[in-house]
Amino acid sequence: MLQRARIFAFALAAGALGVLTPVAAAGPPSFQTVEIDDPPVFYAGTSATCGFPVYSRDVGAITAKTMTLADGSFRLHIVDVKISTTFYSTDPAHTGTVITHPRGPFIQTDHPDGSVTMNSIGTSGHVTIPGEGLVWMETGIVKVEIDANGDVTEVEHGNFSADHSGICPLL
């Protein structure tokens, strides 16, 4: 399961290349590869728990398939994710890094009535510490429905850590 904030960033990156522009009629899919080199993301809650600043940064590429469906819906399907997420600190006393590799598809369908369906399936990665075991994981299925009024329903199934504090000893 890719982290939701990053999924939306990926979708926006694909949109920047013009792949999110729907056409009037159904047609064959098109494919675009989008390079990802995101600015650092600061984790305030994890930083407070760890006692030092914690950041992550995504670098890599995604391949997106876009198409207009017969009912007029527009679909963005991220079919290939080749991203490395690096967690790190800027504190000189904490020079370690943790690298994970998000995997799995993301599918967003924009319906003609203005509603949106999003599905994320896969993993943002997992981290283990020798002798301790699993300390952080995000894996499973997340489905988000946004109705035409903007009301959001989100359902998660899987193993999702509450925060990234399990990686503190590795940084």
C-alpha atoms as a PDB file:
ATOM      1  CA  MET A   1       0.000   0.000   0.000  1.00  0.00           C
ATOM      2  CA  LEU A   2       1.561   3.253  -1.016  1.00  0.00           C
ATOM      3  CA  GLN A   3       1.129   5.984   1.516  1.00  0.00           C
ATOM      4  CA  ARG A   4      -1.997   7.916   0.572  1.00  0.00           C
ATOM      5  CA  ALA A   5      -0.285  11.306   0.480  1.00  0.00           C
ATOM      6  CA  ARG A   6       2.331   9.933  -1.884  1.00  0.00           C
ATOM      7  CA  ILE A   7      -0.285   8.281  -4.070  1.00  0.00           C
ATOM      8  CA  PHE A   8      -1.963  11.623  -4.593  1.00  0.00           C
ATOM      9  CA  ALA A   9       1.438  13.166  -5.358  1.00  0.00           C
ATOM     10  CA  PHE A  10       2.054  10.424  -7.944  1.00  0.00           C
ATOM     11  CA  ALA A  11      -1.343  11.076  -9.505  1.00  0.00           C
ATOM     12  CA  LEU A  12      -0.597  14.801  -9.618  1.00  0.00           C
ATOM     13  CA  ALA A  13       2.788  14.111 -11.198  1.00  0.00           C
ATOM     14  CA  ALA A  14       1.074  12.053 -13.876  1.00  0.00           C
ATOM     15  CA  GLY A  15      -1.394  14.897 -14.367  1.00  0.00           C
ATOM     16  CA  ALA A  16       1.447  17.326 -14.884  1.00  0.00           C
ATOM     17  CA  LEU A  17       2.384  15.355 -17.978  1.00  0.00           C
ATOM     18  CA  GLY A  18      -1.140  15.648 -19.298  1.00  0.00           C
ATOM     19  CA  VAL A  19      -2.171  12.053 -18.790  1.00  0.00           C
ATOM     20  CA  LEU A  20      -5.152  13.003 -16.631  1.00  0.00           C
ATOM     21  CA  THR A  21      -6.939  14.904 -19.362  1.00  0.00           C
ATOM     22  CA  PRO A  22     -10.013  12.828 -20.201  1.00  0.00           C
ATOM     23  CA  VAL A  23     -11.323  12.592 -23.736  1.00  0.00           C
ATOM     24  CA  ALA A  24     -14.981  12.513 -24.753  1.00  0.00           C
ATOM     25  CA  ALA A  25     -15.201   8.885 -25.879  1.00  0.00           C
ATOM     26  CA  ALA A  26     -13.817   5.554 -24.756  1.00  0.00           C
ATOM     27  CA  GLY A  27     -10.535   4.667 -26.338  1.00  0.00           C
ATOM     28  CA  PRO A  28      -7.397   2.625 -26.010  1.00  0.00           C
ATOM     29  CA  PRO A  29      -5.225   3.183 -22.958  1.00  0.00           C
ATOM     30  CA  SER A  30      -2.128   5.323 -23.043  1.00  0.00           C
ATOM     31  CA  PHE A  31       0.978   4.767 -20.928  1.00  0.00           C
ATOM     32  CA  GLN A  32       3.280   7.351 -19.394  1.00  0.00           C
ATOM     33  CA  THR A  33       6.353   6.952 -17.213  1.00  0.00           C
ATOM     34  CA  VAL A  34       6.759   9.681 -14.604  1.00  0.00           C
ATOM     35  CA  GLU A  35      10.048  10.303 -12.795  1.00  0.00           C
ATOM     36  CA  ILE A  36       9.581  10.911  -9.067  1.00  0.00           C
ATOM     37  CA  ASP A  37      12.047  13.032  -7.089  1.00  0.00           C
ATOM     38  CA  ASP A  38       9.974  14.372  -4.222  1.00  0.00           C
ATOM     39  CA  PRO A  39      11.094  16.979  -1.717  1.00  0.00           C
ATOM     40  CA  PRO A  40      11.653  15.690   1.836  1.00  0.00           C
ATOM     41  CA  VAL A  41       8.587  14.950   3.987  1.00  0.00           C
ATOM     42  CA  PHE A  42       8.852  15.834   7.694  1.00  0.00           C
ATOM     43  CA  TYR A  43       7.168  13.487  10.201  1.00  0.00           C
ATOM     44  CA  ALA A  44       6.219  15.692  13.164  1.00  0.00           C
ATOM     45  CA  GLY A  45       4.648  12.940  15.277  1.00  0.00           C
ATOM     46  CA  THR A  46       7.437  10.445  14.640  1.00  0.00           C
ATOM     47  CA  SER A  47      10.039  13.156  15.293  1.00  0.00           C
ATOM     48  CA  ALA A  48       8.414  13.960  18.649  1.00  0.00           C
ATOM     49  CA  THR A  49       8.399  10.270  19.599  1.00  0.00           C
ATOM     50  CA  CYS A  50      11.988   9.675  18.447  1.00  0.00           C
ATOM     51  CA  GLY A  51      13.313  12.880  20.022  1.00  0.00           C
ATOM     52  CA  PHE A  52      14.988  14.004  16.797  1.00  0.00           C
ATOM     53  CA  PRO A  53      13.778  15.130  13.344  1.00  0.00           C
ATOM     54  CA  VAL A  54      12.660  12.338  10.987  1.00  0.00           C
ATOM     55  CA  TYR A  55      12.161  12.809   7.244  1.00  0.00           C
ATOM     56  CA  SER A  56      11.584  10.669   4.178  1.00  0.00           C
ATOM     57  CA  ARG A  57      12.178  11.198   0.491  1.00  0.00           C
ATOM     58  CA  ASP A  58      10.862   9.302  -2.546  1.00  0.00           C
ATOM     59  CA  VAL A  59      12.958   8.846  -5.682  1.00  0.00           C
ATOM     60  CA  GLY A  60      12.256   6.618  -8.685  1.00  0.00           C
ATOM     61  CA  ALA A  61       9.598   6.257 -11.346  1.00  0.00           C
ATOM     62  CA  ILE A  62       6.025   5.134 -11.868  1.00  0.00           C
ATOM     63  CA  THR A  63       4.275   3.994 -15.012  1.00  0.00           C
ATOM     64  CA  ALA A  64       0.665   5.092 -15.358  1.00  0.00           C
ATOM     65  CA  LYS A  65      -1.999   3.761 -17.687  1.00  0.00           C
ATOM     66  CA  THR A  66      -4.859   6.137 -18.448  1.00  0.00           C
ATOM     67  CA  MET A  67      -8.056   5.593 -20.335  1.00  0.00           C
ATOM     68  CA  THR A  68     -11.633   6.755 -20.708  1.00  0.00           C
ATOM     69  CA  LEU A  69     -14.167   4.013 -20.012  1.00  0.00           C
ATOM     70  CA  ALA A  70     -17.345   3.397 -22.002  1.00  0.00           C
ATOM     71  CA  ASP A  71     -19.522   5.097 -19.336  1.00  0.00           C
ATOM     72  CA  GLY A  72     -17.410   8.279 -19.593  1.00  0.00           C
ATOM     73  CA  SER A  73     -15.394   7.584 -16.440  1.00  0.00           C
ATOM     74  CA  PHE A  74     -11.712   8.419 -16.583  1.00  0.00           C
ATOM     75  CA  ARG A  75      -9.251   5.953 -15.051  1.00  0.00           C
ATOM     76  CA  LEU A  76      -5.675   6.441 -13.899  1.00  0.00           C
ATOM     77  CA  HIS A  77      -3.985   3.120 -13.091  1.00  0.00           C
ATOM     78  CA  ILE A  78      -0.452   3.189 -11.737  1.00  0.00           C
ATOM     79  CA  VAL A  79       0.728  -0.166 -13.040  1.00  0.00           C
ATOM     80  CA  ASP A  80       4.413  -0.104 -12.103  1.00  0.00           C
ATOM     81  CA  VAL A  81       6.074   1.469  -9.066  1.00  0.00           C
ATOM     82  CA  LYS A  82       9.859   1.648  -8.890  1.00  0.00           C
ATOM     83  CA  ILE A  83      10.327   3.959  -5.926  1.00  0.00           C
ATOM     84  CA  SER A  84      12.834   3.978  -3.075  1.00  0.00           C
ATOM     85  CA  THR A  85      11.674   5.710   0.093  1.00  0.00           C
ATOM     86  CA  THR A  86      14.567   6.759   2.319  1.00  0.00           C
ATOM     87  CA  PHE A  87      13.901   7.656   5.967  1.00  0.00           C
ATOM     88  CA  TYR A  88      16.596   9.731   7.651  1.00  0.00           C
ATOM     89  CA  SER A  89      17.320  12.408  10.241  1.00  0.00           C
ATOM     90  CA  THR A  90      19.149  15.711   9.985  1.00  0.00           C
ATOM     91  CA  ASP A  91      20.390  15.299  13.571  1.00  0.00           C
ATOM     92  CA  PRO A  92      24.187  14.693  13.469  1.00  0.00           C
ATOM     93  CA  ALA A  93      23.798  12.125  16.284  1.00  0.00           C
ATOM     94  CA  HIS A  94      21.402  10.050  14.115  1.00  0.00           C
ATOM     95  CA  THR A  95      23.081   9.369  10.782  1.00  0.00           C
ATOM     96  CA  GLY A  96      21.388   6.072   9.898  1.00  0.00           C
ATOM     97  CA  THR A  97      18.966   5.565   7.035  1.00  0.00           C
ATOM     98  CA  VAL A  98      16.112   3.155   6.393  1.00  0.00           C
ATOM     99  CA  ILE A  99      15.139   2.384   2.802  1.00  0.00           C
ATOM    100  CA  THR A 100      11.830   0.808   1.780  1.00  0.00           C
ATOM    101  CA  HIS A 101      10.437   0.045  -1.652  1.00  0.00           C
ATOM    102  CA  PRO A 102       6.718   0.750  -2.104  1.00  0.00           C
ATOM    103  CA  ARG A 103       5.014  -1.680  -4.476  1.00  0.00           C
ATOM    104  CA  GLY A 104       1.542  -2.288  -5.796  1.00  0.00           C
ATOM    105  CA  PRO A 105      -1.015  -0.685  -8.053  1.00  0.00           C
ATOM    106  CA  PHE A 106      -3.049   2.439  -7.437  1.00  0.00           C
ATOM    107  CA  ILE A 107      -6.268   2.943  -9.375  1.00  0.00           C
ATOM    108  CA  GLN A 108      -8.295   6.156  -9.456  1.00  0.00           C
ATOM    109  CA  THR A 109     -11.554   6.401 -11.365  1.00  0.00           C
ATOM    110  CA  ASP A 110     -13.208   9.795 -11.859  1.00  0.00           C
ATOM    111  CA  HIS A 111     -16.891   9.151 -12.604  1.00  0.00           C
ATOM    112  CA  PRO A 112     -19.098  11.391 -14.799  1.00  0.00           C
ATOM    113  CA  ASP A 113     -21.275  12.319 -11.764  1.00  0.00           C
ATOM    114  CA  GLY A 114     -18.235  13.902 -10.058  1.00  0.00           C
ATOM    115  CA  SER A 115     -17.586  11.039  -7.640  1.00  0.00           C
ATOM    116  CA  VAL A 116     -14.176   9.402  -7.364  1.00  0.00           C
ATOM    117  CA  THR A 117     -13.086   5.863  -6.432  1.00  0.00           C
ATOM    118  CA  MET A 118      -9.484   5.187  -5.372  1.00  0.00           C
ATOM    119  CA  ASN A 119      -7.903   1.814  -4.604  1.00  0.00           C
ATOM    120  CA  SER A 120      -4.389   1.252  -3.312  1.00  0.00           C
ATOM    121  CA  ILE A 121      -3.201  -2.335  -3.098  1.00  0.00           C
ATOM    122  CA  GLY A 122       0.252  -3.412  -1.954  1.00  0.00           C
ATOM    123  CA  THR A 123       2.885  -2.115   0.426  1.00  0.00           C
ATOM    124  CA  SER A 124       4.799   0.992   1.422  1.00  0.00           C
ATOM    125  CA  GLY A 125       7.345  -1.386   2.867  1.00  0.00           C
ATOM    126  CA  HIS A 126       8.303  -2.958   6.148  1.00  0.00           C
ATOM    127  CA  VAL A 127      11.216  -2.615   8.538  1.00  0.00           C
ATOM    128  CA  THR A 128      12.655  -5.232  10.879  1.00  0.00           C
ATOM    129  CA  ILE A 129      15.320  -4.940  13.550  1.00  0.00           C
ATOM    130  CA  PRO A 130      17.523  -7.998  14.121  1.00  0.00           C
ATOM    131  CA  GLY A 131      16.575  -9.674  17.385  1.00  0.00           C
ATOM    132  CA  GLU A 132      13.439  -7.562  17.671  1.00  0.00           C
ATOM    133  CA  GLY A 133      11.487  -8.361  14.507  1.00  0.00           C
ATOM    134  CA  LEU A 134       8.973  -6.254  12.627  1.00  0.00           C
ATOM    135  CA  VAL A 135       8.883  -2.618  13.845  1.00  0.00           C
ATOM    136  CA  TRP A 136       7.026  -0.864  11.011  1.00  0.00           C
ATOM    137  CA  MET A 137       4.765  -1.992   8.183  1.00  0.00           C
ATOM    138  CA  GLU A 138       2.196  -0.623   5.753  1.00  0.00           C
ATOM    139  CA  THR A 139       0.647  -3.316   3.634  1.00  0.00           C
ATOM    140  CA  GLY A 140      -2.868  -4.118   2.532  1.00  0.00           C
ATOM    141  CA  ILE A 141      -5.757  -2.542   0.679  1.00  0.00           C
ATOM    142  CA  VAL A 142      -7.118   0.978   1.045  1.00  0.00           C
ATOM    143  CA  LYS A 143     -10.339   1.983  -0.720  1.00  0.00           C
ATOM    144  CA  VAL A 144     -11.476   5.605  -0.753  1.00  0.00           C
ATOM    145  CA  GLU A 145     -14.842   6.735  -2.100  1.00  0.00           C
ATOM    146  CA  ILE A 146     -15.553  10.432  -2.605  1.00  0.00           C
ATOM    147  CA  ASP A 147     -19.150  11.109  -3.547  1.00  0.00           C
ATOM    148  CA  ALA A 148     -20.287  13.965  -5.789  1.00  0.00           C
ATOM    149  CA  ASN A 149     -20.859  16.117  -2.646  1.00  0.00           C
ATOM    150  CA  GLY A 150     -17.265  15.634  -1.510  1.00  0.00           C
ATOM    151  CA  ASP A 151     -18.065  13.244   1.358  1.00  0.00           C
ATOM    152  CA  VAL A 152     -15.204  10.772   1.907  1.00  0.00           C
ATOM    153  CA  THR A 153     -15.401   7.133   3.014  1.00  0.00           C
ATOM    154  CA  GLU A 154     -12.149   5.256   3.611  1.00  0.00           C
ATOM    155  CA  VAL A 155     -11.752   1.545   4.385  1.00  0.00           C
ATOM    156  CA  GLU A 156      -8.411  -0.134   5.214  1.00  0.00           C
ATOM    157  CA  HIS A 157      -7.651  -3.845   5.399  1.00  0.00           C
ATOM    158  CA  GLY A 158      -4.172  -5.061   6.286  1.00  0.00           C
ATOM    159  CA  ASN A 159      -1.297  -4.216   8.576  1.00  0.00           C
ATOM    160  CA  PHE A 160      -0.742  -0.481   9.012  1.00  0.00           C
ATOM    161  CA  SER A 161       1.599   0.913  11.692  1.00  0.00           C
ATOM    162  CA  ALA A 162       0.219   3.932  13.516  1.00  0.00           C
ATOM    163  CA  ASP A 163       3.409   5.900  12.853  1.00  0.00           C
ATOM    164  CA  HIS A 164       7.038   5.457  11.839  1.00  0.00           C
ATOM    165  CA  SER A 165       8.440   5.454  15.389  1.00  0.00           C
ATOM    166  CA  GLY A 166       9.569   1.812  15.025  1.00  0.00           C
ATOM    167  CA  ILE A 167      12.448   3.021  12.847  1.00  0.00           C
ATOM    168  CA  CYS A 168      13.857   5.391  15.534  1.00  0.00           C
ATOM    169  CA  PRO A 169      16.550   2.916  16.718  1.00  0.00           C
ATOM    170  CA  LEU A 170      17.846   2.563  13.142  1.00  0.00           C
ATOM    171  CA  LEU A 171      18.366   6.281  12.531  1.00  0.00           C
END
